[in-house]
């Protein structure tokens, strides 16, 4: 699963290099600005940039989902999904709270929940579900795949660390590769769950 996802991510990034790089560059720039700084005006700028960053992250995921579905989105489409802002903000707040609660309990539950809920933001953008429904869906489709997903996220983290070490410029490639790879995982798990749900129930035995 992991090898196929990374291969898919690399292939899709190469095929859509321009939009992948420019959308990632925008997200990284706004992310840096959202760090804020000292002083009232810098703090206000940081808050506004954080709000803008959430809108961009929503649009970023949507663009990559559309590319994965065979569409050809434009760069400007990154601003089209702003209506999901409050839902996305909700899942961005709720997920860390749940994971933190798990870490406080015994650490292990936090790790498990972090992995099982990791696809929630992507599901929300793809389906327009609410935060809780998206988290429930992520928990459902990742059932039985914890170790594969944990390995996937570890490798993705190392890939992006490598991108950061290459003067940060490498992130312009590693982040799109990671995003496409995550979408591949998400689509595969969703399809598997749909296939299981679509199987007809066994016919009841005839009553003698």
N, C-alpha and C. Protein backbone atom coordinates (compact mmCIF):
# COMPACT_ATOMS: atom_id res chain seq x y z
N UNK A 1 0.82 -1.21 0.00
CA UNK A 1 0.00 0.00 0.00
C UNK A 1 0.86 1.27 0.00
N UNK A 2 1.87 1.30 0.86
CA UNK A 2 2.71 2.48 1.01
C UNK A 2 3.50 2.76 -0.27
N UNK A 3 4.12 1.71 -0.80
CA UNK A 3 4.92 1.87 -2.01
C UNK A 3 4.08 2.36 -3.18
N UNK A 4 2.90 1.80 -3.35
CA UNK A 4 2.01 2.21 -4.44
C UNK A 4 1.55 3.66 -4.26
N UNK A 5 1.29 4.05 -3.01
CA UNK A 5 0.84 5.41 -2.73
C UNK A 5 1.93 6.43 -3.07
N UNK A 6 3.16 6.14 -2.66
CA UNK A 6 4.27 7.06 -2.93
C UNK A 6 4.53 7.14 -4.44
N UNK A 7 4.47 5.99 -5.12
CA UNK A 7 4.67 5.97 -6.56
C UNK A 7 3.58 6.80 -7.26
N UNK A 8 2.35 6.63 -6.80
CA UNK A 8 1.23 7.40 -7.35
C UNK A 8 1.44 8.89 -7.11
N UNK A 9 1.85 9.25 -5.89
CA UNK A 9 2.07 10.66 -5.57
C UNK A 9 3.15 11.29 -6.43
N UNK A 10 4.22 10.56 -6.67
CA UNK A 10 5.32 11.06 -7.49
C UNK A 10 4.87 11.23 -8.94
N UNK A 11 4.13 10.24 -9.44
CA UNK A 11 3.66 10.31 -10.83
C UNK A 11 2.70 11.47 -11.05
N UNK A 12 1.75 11.65 -10.14
CA UNK A 12 0.79 12.75 -10.27
C UNK A 12 1.45 14.11 -10.15
N UNK A 13 2.44 14.20 -9.29
CA UNK A 13 3.15 15.47 -9.12
C UNK A 13 3.90 15.83 -10.40
N UNK A 14 4.56 14.86 -11.00
CA UNK A 14 5.28 15.12 -12.26
C UNK A 14 4.32 15.52 -13.37
N UNK A 15 3.15 14.88 -13.42
CA UNK A 15 2.18 15.18 -14.47
C UNK A 15 1.55 16.56 -14.30
N UNK A 16 1.52 17.04 -13.06
CA UNK A 16 0.85 18.32 -12.76
C UNK A 16 1.81 19.23 -12.00
N UNK A 17 3.04 19.32 -12.51
CA UNK A 17 4.12 19.98 -11.79
C UNK A 17 3.84 21.45 -11.52
N UNK A 18 3.33 22.18 -12.53
CA UNK A 18 3.15 23.62 -12.38
C UNK A 18 2.16 23.97 -11.28
N UNK A 19 0.96 23.42 -11.36
CA UNK A 19 -0.06 23.75 -10.36
C UNK A 19 0.33 23.19 -8.99
N UNK A 20 1.03 22.06 -8.97
CA UNK A 20 1.46 21.48 -7.69
C UNK A 20 2.44 22.41 -6.99
N UNK A 21 3.41 22.93 -7.73
CA UNK A 21 4.43 23.80 -7.14
C UNK A 21 3.84 25.14 -6.71
N UNK A 22 3.04 25.77 -7.58
CA UNK A 22 2.55 27.12 -7.27
C UNK A 22 1.53 27.12 -6.13
N UNK A 23 0.66 26.12 -6.07
CA UNK A 23 -0.29 26.06 -4.96
C UNK A 23 0.43 25.76 -3.65
N UNK A 24 1.45 24.91 -3.71
CA UNK A 24 2.23 24.60 -2.51
C UNK A 24 3.02 25.82 -2.05
N UNK A 25 3.58 26.56 -3.00
CA UNK A 25 4.34 27.77 -2.67
C UNK A 25 3.44 28.79 -1.97
N UNK A 26 2.23 28.98 -2.48
CA UNK A 26 1.29 29.91 -1.85
C UNK A 26 0.99 29.47 -0.42
N UNK A 27 0.73 28.20 -0.23
CA UNK A 27 0.40 27.69 1.10
C UNK A 27 1.57 27.88 2.06
N UNK A 28 2.78 27.65 1.60
CA UNK A 28 3.96 27.80 2.45
C UNK A 28 4.19 29.26 2.83
N UNK A 29 4.02 30.15 1.87
CA UNK A 29 4.22 31.59 2.14
C UNK A 29 3.22 32.09 3.17
N UNK A 30 1.95 31.75 2.96
CA UNK A 30 0.92 32.18 3.91
C UNK A 30 1.16 31.53 5.27
N UNK A 31 1.65 30.29 5.27
CA UNK A 31 1.96 29.61 6.52
C UNK A 31 3.03 30.33 7.32
N UNK A 32 4.03 30.85 6.62
CA UNK A 32 5.10 31.60 7.28
C UNK A 32 4.55 32.90 7.87
N UNK A 33 3.72 33.60 7.09
CA UNK A 33 3.14 34.86 7.55
C UNK A 33 2.23 34.63 8.75
N UNK A 34 1.52 33.50 8.76
CA UNK A 34 0.58 33.22 9.84
C UNK A 34 1.27 33.00 11.17
N UNK A 35 2.62 32.85 11.11
CA UNK A 35 3.37 32.70 12.35
C UNK A 35 3.31 33.94 13.21
N UNK A 36 2.90 35.06 12.59
CA UNK A 36 2.73 36.31 13.35
C UNK A 36 4.06 36.85 13.82
N UNK A 37 4.02 37.50 14.96
CA UNK A 37 5.23 38.09 15.51
C UNK A 37 4.87 39.01 16.65
N UNK A 38 5.83 39.75 17.14
CA UNK A 38 5.61 40.65 18.26
C UNK A 38 4.91 41.92 17.77
N UNK A 39 4.12 42.50 18.65
CA UNK A 39 3.44 43.74 18.28
C UNK A 39 2.00 43.50 17.88
N UNK A 40 1.18 44.50 18.13
CA UNK A 40 -0.26 44.37 17.87
C UNK A 40 -0.57 44.12 16.41
N UNK A 41 0.01 44.93 15.52
CA UNK A 41 -0.31 44.82 14.10
C UNK A 41 0.20 43.51 13.50
N UNK A 42 1.35 43.06 13.96
CA UNK A 42 1.87 41.78 13.47
C UNK A 42 0.99 40.64 13.95
N UNK A 43 0.44 40.77 15.16
CA UNK A 43 -0.45 39.74 15.68
C UNK A 43 -1.74 39.68 14.87
N UNK A 44 -2.29 40.85 14.53
CA UNK A 44 -3.50 40.91 13.71
C UNK A 44 -3.23 40.31 12.35
N UNK A 45 -2.06 40.64 11.77
CA UNK A 45 -1.68 40.08 10.47
C UNK A 45 -1.58 38.57 10.56
N UNK A 46 -1.03 38.08 11.66
CA UNK A 46 -0.89 36.64 11.84
C UNK A 46 -2.24 35.94 11.92
N UNK A 47 -3.21 36.56 12.60
CA UNK A 47 -4.56 35.99 12.72
C UNK A 47 -5.23 35.94 11.35
N UNK A 48 -5.13 37.04 10.61
CA UNK A 48 -5.73 37.10 9.27
C UNK A 48 -5.09 36.08 8.35
N UNK A 49 -3.77 35.95 8.46
CA UNK A 49 -3.05 34.98 7.61
C UNK A 49 -3.45 33.55 7.98
N UNK A 50 -3.70 33.28 9.27
CA UNK A 50 -4.12 31.95 9.70
C UNK A 50 -5.49 31.60 9.11
N UNK A 51 -6.40 32.58 9.12
CA UNK A 51 -7.72 32.37 8.51
C UNK A 51 -7.57 32.10 7.02
N UNK A 52 -6.73 32.90 6.37
CA UNK A 52 -6.48 32.74 4.94
C UNK A 52 -5.85 31.39 4.65
N UNK A 53 -4.96 30.94 5.56
CA UNK A 53 -4.28 29.66 5.38
C UNK A 53 -5.28 28.51 5.41
N UNK A 54 -6.26 28.58 6.30
CA UNK A 54 -7.27 27.53 6.35
C UNK A 54 -8.05 27.45 5.05
N UNK A 55 -8.41 28.62 4.50
CA UNK A 55 -9.13 28.65 3.22
C UNK A 55 -8.27 28.03 2.13
N UNK A 56 -6.99 28.35 2.13
CA UNK A 56 -6.08 27.81 1.12
C UNK A 56 -5.90 26.30 1.29
N UNK A 57 -5.80 25.84 2.52
CA UNK A 57 -5.64 24.40 2.76
C UNK A 57 -6.86 23.62 2.26
N UNK A 58 -8.03 24.20 2.45
CA UNK A 58 -9.25 23.57 1.94
C UNK A 58 -9.17 23.47 0.42
N UNK A 59 -8.89 24.61 -0.23
CA UNK A 59 -8.81 24.63 -1.68
C UNK A 59 -7.68 23.77 -2.22
N UNK A 60 -6.58 23.72 -1.49
CA UNK A 60 -5.43 22.90 -1.88
C UNK A 60 -5.82 21.43 -1.95
N UNK A 61 -6.47 20.95 -0.89
CA UNK A 61 -6.92 19.55 -0.87
C UNK A 61 -7.92 19.28 -1.99
N UNK A 62 -8.81 20.24 -2.23
CA UNK A 62 -9.83 20.06 -3.26
C UNK A 62 -9.20 19.97 -4.65
N UNK A 63 -8.23 20.82 -4.92
CA UNK A 63 -7.55 20.80 -6.21
C UNK A 63 -6.88 19.44 -6.44
N UNK A 64 -6.21 18.92 -5.41
CA UNK A 64 -5.51 17.65 -5.56
C UNK A 64 -6.49 16.49 -5.67
N UNK A 65 -7.62 16.59 -4.99
CA UNK A 65 -8.67 15.58 -5.14
C UNK A 65 -9.21 15.58 -6.56
N UNK A 66 -9.44 16.77 -7.12
CA UNK A 66 -9.97 16.89 -8.47
C UNK A 66 -8.98 16.35 -9.51
N UNK A 67 -7.70 16.65 -9.31
CA UNK A 67 -6.68 16.11 -10.22
C UNK A 67 -6.68 14.60 -10.17
N UNK A 68 -6.79 14.05 -8.96
CA UNK A 68 -6.82 12.59 -8.79
C UNK A 68 -8.04 11.97 -9.45
N UNK A 69 -9.10 12.77 -9.58
CA UNK A 69 -10.32 12.29 -10.23
C UNK A 69 -10.33 12.55 -11.73
N UNK A 70 -9.20 13.00 -12.26
CA UNK A 70 -9.07 13.20 -13.70
C UNK A 70 -9.46 14.57 -14.20
N UNK A 71 -9.72 15.51 -13.30
CA UNK A 71 -10.08 16.86 -13.72
C UNK A 71 -8.84 17.73 -13.90
N UNK A 72 -9.05 18.93 -14.44
CA UNK A 72 -7.95 19.87 -14.69
C UNK A 72 -8.27 21.22 -14.03
N UNK A 73 -8.15 21.30 -12.72
CA UNK A 73 -8.45 22.56 -12.03
C UNK A 73 -7.43 23.64 -12.34
N UNK A 74 -7.83 24.90 -12.12
CA UNK A 74 -6.94 26.04 -12.30
C UNK A 74 -6.41 26.49 -10.93
N UNK A 75 -5.34 27.26 -10.97
CA UNK A 75 -4.74 27.77 -9.73
C UNK A 75 -5.75 28.57 -8.92
N UNK A 76 -6.56 29.37 -9.59
CA UNK A 76 -7.53 30.23 -8.90
C UNK A 76 -8.60 29.42 -8.16
N UNK A 77 -8.74 28.14 -8.49
CA UNK A 77 -9.74 27.30 -7.83
C UNK A 77 -9.41 27.06 -6.36
N UNK A 78 -8.20 27.42 -5.97
CA UNK A 78 -7.79 27.21 -4.58
C UNK A 78 -8.61 28.06 -3.63
N UNK A 79 -9.27 29.10 -4.16
CA UNK A 79 -10.07 29.99 -3.31
C UNK A 79 -11.56 29.67 -3.35
N UNK A 80 -11.95 28.63 -4.08
CA UNK A 80 -13.37 28.39 -4.33
C UNK A 80 -14.11 27.64 -3.24
N UNK A 81 -13.39 27.05 -2.29
CA UNK A 81 -14.05 26.20 -1.30
C UNK A 81 -14.16 26.88 0.07
N UNK A 82 -14.18 28.21 0.08
CA UNK A 82 -14.19 28.94 1.34
C UNK A 82 -15.43 28.67 2.19
N UNK A 83 -16.52 28.19 1.56
CA UNK A 83 -17.74 27.92 2.32
C UNK A 83 -17.55 26.80 3.33
N UNK A 84 -16.51 26.00 3.15
CA UNK A 84 -16.24 24.92 4.10
C UNK A 84 -15.39 25.38 5.28
N UNK A 85 -15.16 26.68 5.36
CA UNK A 85 -14.24 27.21 6.38
C UNK A 85 -14.60 26.76 7.79
N UNK A 86 -15.85 26.96 8.19
CA UNK A 86 -16.23 26.66 9.58
C UNK A 86 -16.17 25.16 9.87
N UNK A 87 -16.56 24.35 8.92
CA UNK A 87 -16.46 22.90 9.11
C UNK A 87 -14.99 22.48 9.23
N UNK A 88 -14.15 23.04 8.36
CA UNK A 88 -12.74 22.69 8.37
C UNK A 88 -12.08 23.18 9.65
N UNK A 89 -12.47 24.35 10.10
CA UNK A 89 -11.96 24.87 11.37
C UNK A 89 -12.36 23.94 12.50
N UNK A 90 -13.61 23.46 12.43
CA UNK A 90 -14.10 22.55 13.46
C UNK A 90 -13.28 21.27 13.55
N UNK A 91 -13.02 20.64 12.41
CA UNK A 91 -12.25 19.40 12.44
C UNK A 91 -10.79 19.68 12.79
N UNK A 92 -10.29 20.86 12.45
CA UNK A 92 -8.90 21.23 12.78
C UNK A 92 -8.72 21.45 14.28
N UNK A 93 -9.81 21.80 14.97
CA UNK A 93 -9.76 21.98 16.42
C UNK A 93 -10.09 20.68 17.14
N UNK A 94 -11.11 19.98 16.65
CA UNK A 94 -11.60 18.77 17.33
C UNK A 94 -10.59 17.63 17.29
N UNK A 95 -9.95 17.44 16.15
CA UNK A 95 -8.99 16.33 16.02
C UNK A 95 -7.84 16.43 17.03
N UNK A 96 -7.15 17.58 17.11
CA UNK A 96 -6.06 17.68 18.09
C UNK A 96 -6.53 17.49 19.53
N UNK A 97 -7.75 17.95 19.84
CA UNK A 97 -8.27 17.79 21.20
C UNK A 97 -8.44 16.30 21.53
N UNK A 98 -9.02 15.55 20.58
CA UNK A 98 -9.24 14.11 20.79
C UNK A 98 -7.90 13.38 20.93
N UNK A 99 -6.97 13.71 20.05
CA UNK A 99 -5.65 13.05 20.08
C UNK A 99 -4.92 13.40 21.38
N UNK A 100 -4.99 14.67 21.79
CA UNK A 100 -4.34 15.09 23.04
C UNK A 100 -4.94 14.36 24.24
N UNK A 101 -6.26 14.20 24.21
CA UNK A 101 -6.92 13.46 25.30
C UNK A 101 -6.41 12.03 25.35
N UNK A 102 -6.22 11.42 24.20
CA UNK A 102 -5.69 10.06 24.14
C UNK A 102 -4.26 9.97 24.65
N UNK A 103 -3.46 11.00 24.33
CA UNK A 103 -2.07 11.02 24.79
C UNK A 103 -2.01 11.18 26.30
N UNK A 104 -2.92 11.99 26.84
CA UNK A 104 -2.95 12.21 28.29
C UNK A 104 -3.36 10.93 29.01
N UNK A 105 -4.27 10.17 28.40
CA UNK A 105 -4.75 8.94 29.02
C UNK A 105 -3.61 7.94 29.22
N UNK A 106 -3.09 7.43 28.09
CA UNK A 106 -2.01 6.43 28.20
C UNK A 106 -1.05 6.49 27.02
N UNK A 107 -1.04 7.59 26.31
CA UNK A 107 -0.19 7.80 25.13
C UNK A 107 -0.62 6.96 23.94
N UNK A 108 -0.73 5.64 24.15
CA UNK A 108 -1.07 4.73 23.05
C UNK A 108 -2.40 5.10 22.39
N UNK A 109 -3.48 5.35 23.16
CA UNK A 109 -4.74 5.75 22.50
C UNK A 109 -4.58 6.99 21.63
N UNK A 110 -3.75 7.92 22.08
CA UNK A 110 -3.53 9.13 21.29
C UNK A 110 -2.89 8.84 19.95
N UNK A 111 -1.93 7.93 19.93
CA UNK A 111 -1.27 7.54 18.68
C UNK A 111 -2.27 6.84 17.76
N UNK A 112 -3.04 5.93 18.35
CA UNK A 112 -4.03 5.20 17.55
C UNK A 112 -5.05 6.16 16.95
N UNK A 113 -5.57 7.07 17.77
CA UNK A 113 -6.59 8.01 17.29
C UNK A 113 -6.00 8.98 16.26
N UNK A 114 -4.74 9.37 16.44
CA UNK A 114 -4.11 10.26 15.47
C UNK A 114 -4.08 9.62 14.08
N UNK A 115 -3.77 8.33 14.05
CA UNK A 115 -3.71 7.60 12.78
C UNK A 115 -5.11 7.35 12.23
N UNK A 116 -6.03 6.90 13.08
CA UNK A 116 -7.37 6.54 12.63
C UNK A 116 -8.17 7.76 12.16
N UNK A 117 -7.90 8.93 12.75
CA UNK A 117 -8.63 10.14 12.37
C UNK A 117 -7.87 10.99 11.34
N UNK A 118 -6.72 10.51 10.89
CA UNK A 118 -5.83 11.33 10.05
C UNK A 118 -6.44 11.74 8.71
N UNK A 119 -7.41 10.99 8.22
CA UNK A 119 -8.01 11.31 6.92
C UNK A 119 -9.23 12.22 7.04
N UNK A 120 -9.58 12.62 8.25
CA UNK A 120 -10.79 13.42 8.49
C UNK A 120 -10.83 14.72 7.68
N UNK A 121 -9.77 15.56 7.68
CA UNK A 121 -9.84 16.80 6.91
C UNK A 121 -10.06 16.55 5.41
N UNK A 122 -9.39 15.54 4.88
CA UNK A 122 -9.53 15.21 3.47
C UNK A 122 -10.96 14.76 3.16
N UNK A 123 -11.52 13.94 4.02
CA UNK A 123 -12.89 13.46 3.85
C UNK A 123 -13.86 14.62 3.90
N UNK A 124 -13.63 15.55 4.82
CA UNK A 124 -14.52 16.71 4.94
C UNK A 124 -14.54 17.53 3.66
N UNK A 125 -13.35 17.78 3.10
CA UNK A 125 -13.26 18.57 1.87
C UNK A 125 -13.89 17.82 0.70
N UNK A 126 -13.70 16.51 0.67
CA UNK A 126 -14.20 15.71 -0.45
C UNK A 126 -15.72 15.54 -0.40
N UNK A 127 -16.28 15.35 0.79
CA UNK A 127 -17.70 15.00 0.91
C UNK A 127 -18.58 16.10 1.47
N UNK A 128 -17.94 17.15 2.05
CA UNK A 128 -18.66 18.25 2.71
C UNK A 128 -19.39 17.78 3.97
N UNK A 129 -18.98 16.65 4.52
CA UNK A 129 -19.53 16.19 5.80
C UNK A 129 -19.15 17.19 6.89
N UNK A 130 -19.82 17.08 8.04
CA UNK A 130 -19.44 17.87 9.19
C UNK A 130 -18.20 17.30 9.85
N UNK A 131 -17.62 18.02 10.81
CA UNK A 131 -16.39 17.56 11.47
C UNK A 131 -16.52 16.19 12.12
N UNK A 132 -17.58 15.98 12.90
CA UNK A 132 -17.75 14.70 13.60
C UNK A 132 -18.02 13.57 12.62
N UNK A 133 -18.86 13.82 11.63
CA UNK A 133 -19.15 12.79 10.62
C UNK A 133 -17.89 12.42 9.85
N UNK A 134 -17.04 13.40 9.55
CA UNK A 134 -15.79 13.13 8.83
C UNK A 134 -14.85 12.29 9.68
N UNK A 135 -14.80 12.58 10.96
CA UNK A 135 -13.95 11.80 11.85
C UNK A 135 -14.47 10.37 11.99
N UNK A 136 -15.78 10.21 12.06
CA UNK A 136 -16.36 8.86 12.13
C UNK A 136 -16.06 8.08 10.86
N UNK A 137 -16.13 8.76 9.71
CA UNK A 137 -15.85 8.10 8.44
C UNK A 137 -14.38 7.69 8.36
N UNK A 138 -13.49 8.57 8.79
CA UNK A 138 -12.07 8.25 8.80
C UNK A 138 -11.79 7.04 9.70
N UNK A 139 -12.42 7.02 10.86
CA UNK A 139 -12.24 5.91 11.79
C UNK A 139 -12.74 4.61 11.19
N UNK A 140 -13.83 4.71 10.41
CA UNK A 140 -14.43 3.50 9.82
C UNK A 140 -13.57 2.94 8.69
N UNK A 141 -13.11 3.79 7.78
CA UNK A 141 -12.39 3.27 6.61
C UNK A 141 -10.97 2.84 6.94
N UNK A 142 -10.44 3.31 8.08
CA UNK A 142 -9.08 2.92 8.45
C UNK A 142 -9.05 1.67 9.32
N UNK A 143 -10.22 1.11 9.60
CA UNK A 143 -10.29 -0.09 10.43
C UNK A 143 -9.45 -1.22 9.82
N UNK A 144 -8.59 -1.83 10.63
CA UNK A 144 -7.77 -2.95 10.18
C UNK A 144 -6.53 -2.52 9.41
N UNK A 145 -6.27 -1.20 9.32
CA UNK A 145 -5.11 -0.72 8.56
C UNK A 145 -4.19 0.17 9.40
N UNK A 146 -4.28 0.03 10.71
CA UNK A 146 -3.50 0.93 11.59
C UNK A 146 -2.01 0.89 11.29
N UNK A 147 -1.44 -0.32 11.25
CA UNK A 147 0.01 -0.41 11.10
C UNK A 147 0.49 0.08 9.73
N UNK A 148 -0.28 -0.23 8.69
CA UNK A 148 0.06 0.28 7.36
C UNK A 148 0.04 1.81 7.34
N UNK A 149 -0.99 2.38 7.96
CA UNK A 149 -1.12 3.83 7.99
C UNK A 149 -0.05 4.48 8.85
N UNK A 150 0.27 3.86 9.97
CA UNK A 150 1.34 4.39 10.82
C UNK A 150 2.66 4.41 10.05
N UNK A 151 2.95 3.32 9.35
CA UNK A 151 4.15 3.28 8.53
C UNK A 151 4.13 4.33 7.43
N UNK A 152 2.95 4.52 6.83
CA UNK A 152 2.80 5.52 5.78
C UNK A 152 3.12 6.91 6.30
N UNK A 153 2.55 7.27 7.47
CA UNK A 153 2.77 8.62 8.00
C UNK A 153 4.21 8.83 8.45
N UNK A 154 4.86 7.78 8.93
CA UNK A 154 6.27 7.89 9.31
C UNK A 154 7.11 8.18 8.07
N UNK A 155 6.85 7.43 6.99
CA UNK A 155 7.61 7.64 5.75
C UNK A 155 7.33 9.02 5.16
N UNK A 156 6.07 9.45 5.19
CA UNK A 156 5.72 10.77 4.69
C UNK A 156 6.44 11.85 5.49
N UNK A 157 6.50 11.66 6.81
CA UNK A 157 7.21 12.62 7.66
C UNK A 157 8.69 12.70 7.30
N UNK A 158 9.30 11.55 7.04
CA UNK A 158 10.72 11.53 6.67
C UNK A 158 10.95 12.17 5.30
N UNK A 159 10.02 11.93 4.37
CA UNK A 159 10.15 12.53 3.04
C UNK A 159 10.09 14.05 3.13
N UNK A 160 9.15 14.56 3.92
CA UNK A 160 9.02 16.01 4.05
C UNK A 160 10.17 16.62 4.86
N UNK A 161 10.71 15.84 5.80
CA UNK A 161 11.89 16.31 6.52
C UNK A 161 13.06 16.46 5.55
N UNK A 162 13.19 15.50 4.65
CA UNK A 162 14.22 15.59 3.63
C UNK A 162 14.01 16.82 2.76
N UNK A 163 12.74 17.08 2.39
CA UNK A 163 12.43 18.27 1.59
C UNK A 163 12.79 19.54 2.32
N UNK A 164 12.57 19.56 3.65
CA UNK A 164 12.92 20.74 4.45
C UNK A 164 14.41 20.95 4.52
N UNK A 165 15.16 19.86 4.59
CA UNK A 165 16.61 19.95 4.69
C UNK A 165 17.25 20.47 3.40
N UNK A 166 16.55 20.28 2.27
CA UNK A 166 17.09 20.76 1.00
C UNK A 166 16.72 22.25 0.86
N UNK A 167 17.22 23.03 1.79
CA UNK A 167 17.01 24.49 1.84
C UNK A 167 15.52 24.84 1.84
N UNK A 168 14.69 23.91 2.23
CA UNK A 168 13.25 24.15 2.26
C UNK A 168 12.58 24.04 0.92
N UNK A 169 13.36 24.20 -0.16
CA UNK A 169 12.81 24.18 -1.52
C UNK A 169 12.24 22.81 -1.85
N UNK A 170 12.81 21.79 -1.27
CA UNK A 170 12.34 20.44 -1.54
C UNK A 170 10.89 20.22 -1.15
N UNK A 171 10.39 21.05 -0.23
CA UNK A 171 8.99 20.92 0.19
C UNK A 171 8.03 21.19 -0.96
N UNK A 172 8.47 21.96 -1.94
CA UNK A 172 7.61 22.25 -3.10
C UNK A 172 7.31 20.98 -3.90
N UNK A 173 8.13 19.97 -3.70
CA UNK A 173 7.90 18.67 -4.35
C UNK A 173 7.35 17.65 -3.36
N UNK A 174 7.94 17.60 -2.18
CA UNK A 174 7.56 16.55 -1.23
C UNK A 174 6.13 16.72 -0.70
N UNK A 175 5.67 17.96 -0.52
CA UNK A 175 4.31 18.16 -0.02
C UNK A 175 3.27 17.70 -1.05
N UNK A 176 3.40 18.10 -2.33
CA UNK A 176 2.46 17.55 -3.33
C UNK A 176 2.50 16.03 -3.43
N UNK A 177 3.70 15.46 -3.41
CA UNK A 177 3.82 14.00 -3.46
C UNK A 177 3.08 13.37 -2.28
N UNK A 178 3.27 13.95 -1.10
CA UNK A 178 2.61 13.45 0.11
C UNK A 178 1.10 13.57 0.00
N UNK A 179 0.63 14.70 -0.54
CA UNK A 179 -0.81 14.93 -0.64
C UNK A 179 -1.46 13.95 -1.61
N UNK A 180 -0.85 13.77 -2.77
CA UNK A 180 -1.38 12.81 -3.74
C UNK A 180 -1.34 11.38 -3.16
N UNK A 181 -0.27 11.07 -2.43
CA UNK A 181 -0.15 9.74 -1.83
C UNK A 181 -1.26 9.52 -0.80
N UNK A 182 -1.54 10.56 -0.01
CA UNK A 182 -2.60 10.46 0.99
C UNK A 182 -3.96 10.27 0.32
N UNK A 183 -4.19 10.97 -0.78
CA UNK A 183 -5.45 10.82 -1.51
C UNK A 183 -5.57 9.40 -2.07
N UNK A 184 -4.46 8.86 -2.55
CA UNK A 184 -4.47 7.49 -3.05
C UNK A 184 -4.88 6.51 -1.95
N UNK A 185 -4.31 6.70 -0.77
CA UNK A 185 -4.67 5.86 0.39
C UNK A 185 -6.15 6.01 0.70
N UNK A 186 -6.61 7.25 0.75
CA UNK A 186 -8.01 7.54 1.07
C UNK A 186 -8.96 6.90 0.07
N UNK A 187 -8.68 7.07 -1.22
CA UNK A 187 -9.54 6.49 -2.25
C UNK A 187 -9.54 4.96 -2.17
N UNK A 188 -8.39 4.39 -1.93
CA UNK A 188 -8.28 2.93 -1.86
C UNK A 188 -9.08 2.37 -0.69
N UNK A 189 -8.95 3.01 0.46
CA UNK A 189 -9.68 2.54 1.64
C UNK A 189 -11.17 2.75 1.49
N UNK A 190 -11.56 3.87 0.88
CA UNK A 190 -12.99 4.14 0.65
C UNK A 190 -13.58 3.12 -0.30
N UNK A 191 -12.84 2.79 -1.35
CA UNK A 191 -13.32 1.80 -2.33
C UNK A 191 -13.46 0.43 -1.69
N UNK A 192 -12.49 0.07 -0.85
CA UNK A 192 -12.53 -1.23 -0.19
C UNK A 192 -13.74 -1.32 0.72
N UNK A 193 -14.01 -0.25 1.44
CA UNK A 193 -15.16 -0.26 2.35
C UNK A 193 -16.47 -0.32 1.56
N UNK A 194 -16.51 0.43 0.44
CA UNK A 194 -17.72 0.42 -0.39
C UNK A 194 -17.98 -0.96 -0.97
N UNK A 195 -16.88 -1.66 -1.35
CA UNK A 195 -17.02 -2.99 -1.92
C UNK A 195 -17.59 -3.97 -0.90
N UNK A 196 -17.12 -3.85 0.33
CA UNK A 196 -17.61 -4.72 1.39
C UNK A 196 -19.08 -4.44 1.67
N UNK A 197 -19.42 -3.13 1.71
CA UNK A 197 -20.81 -2.75 2.00
C UNK A 197 -21.76 -3.18 0.88
N UNK A 198 -21.22 -3.25 -0.35
CA UNK A 198 -22.07 -3.58 -1.49
C UNK A 198 -22.33 -5.08 -1.65
N UNK A 199 -21.55 -5.89 -0.93
CA UNK A 199 -21.75 -7.34 -1.06
C UNK A 199 -23.12 -7.74 -0.53
N UNK A 200 -23.86 -8.55 -1.27
CA UNK A 200 -25.19 -8.94 -0.81
C UNK A 200 -25.11 -9.83 0.43
N UNK A 201 -26.06 -9.67 1.29
CA UNK A 201 -26.12 -10.50 2.50
C UNK A 201 -26.49 -11.92 2.09
N UNK A 202 -25.95 -12.90 2.81
CA UNK A 202 -26.27 -14.29 2.46
C UNK A 202 -27.77 -14.55 2.63
N UNK A 203 -28.31 -15.37 1.73
CA UNK A 203 -29.73 -15.69 1.77
C UNK A 203 -30.02 -16.54 3.00
N UNK A 204 -31.08 -16.22 3.72
CA UNK A 204 -31.42 -17.05 4.87
C UNK A 204 -31.78 -18.46 4.46
N UNK A 205 -31.43 -19.39 5.31
CA UNK A 205 -31.74 -20.80 5.02
C UNK A 205 -33.25 -21.00 5.02
N UNK A 206 -33.76 -21.79 4.08
CA UNK A 206 -35.20 -22.02 4.03
C UNK A 206 -35.70 -22.72 5.28
N UNK A 207 -36.83 -22.28 5.73
CA UNK A 207 -37.43 -22.88 6.92
C UNK A 207 -38.12 -24.17 6.55
N UNK A 208 -37.79 -25.24 7.23
CA UNK A 208 -38.38 -26.55 6.92
C UNK A 208 -39.86 -26.57 7.29
